[in-house]
């Protein structure tokens, strides 16, 4: 059989579909909505990656997923013994106050740590097959939410076991607080996952920054410790600077949702105000988080074109 001539080869190539470049760099102002549609089209892959994240975490473990329940139970028991019985924190049911704040922070911190490594940790997968790269940090968010649900279940069961009165409209604050937290941490997850591909120091800097950020939130101390200060820095009140931290409003909403001791011996333990004031402050954080999410996805979209080469 005679080999095809050069003209026949060109005709054959021209008749084929044009080559399409996937993950091409995008303009900054367009592409967010198509990216969301793309992720939704690959939602089954996203669910499978979430399952993979959870299975890998407890691989070769006897208890398996039971550790997700055991860990918060042990922590809550330790907090109760240390702070309520030994140290006498002076705040009724301080373990519940502490755990309600840690519930939000643990979801935020653990998700960011996992999402930052999500692209680098799946280098082989990225170089072999096309899928929306946003799915990898989103899988870390999904796995974090699964563990959060189990921890929340442990907290609510403990509140019932100790007959702590937490029922009421305050519980409704959990919904907007969680939604705001998810949007906020998803924005950070997309940004850090992309940045870590080009600068591996990001994953190490994150550990230090999260340690510092943790103490900038009213988790192990009542927010009254901050509100009572009248000092200023560069002409701005310390309390104003403190509330610029979006996680403060998220955490105080989590605390207000399950903890009812607003006043102890004349001292406020939580941010005082109506539920409307809580929602108003949280609404501001939500708007900022949505803008951050859009900016983070646009940064991710511009950066993902060279992921394969950098990895």
Foldseek 3Di string as FASTA:
>chain_A
DDDDDPVVVVVVVVPDDDDDDPLDFDDLPDDPVVLVVQCVVCVVVLVVLLVVVQCVVQPPHPCRCVVLQVVLVVQLVVCCCCDVPPVNVQDPSLSLLQLLLVLLLVLLLQLLLQLLCQLVVPLVVLQPDDGSPLSRSVSSNVNSVVSSVSSVVNSVVVCVVVVPPQDDPLLVLLVLLVVLSSLQSSLSSLQSNLVCLVPVCSSVVSVVVSVVVVVLECNNAACLVQVVDQDADPNHGSVVVSLVPLSNLSSLSSSSNGPDCQDRPNGGRGDDDDVVVSVVSSVVSSVVSNVSNSNSVSVSSNRVSCSNVSD
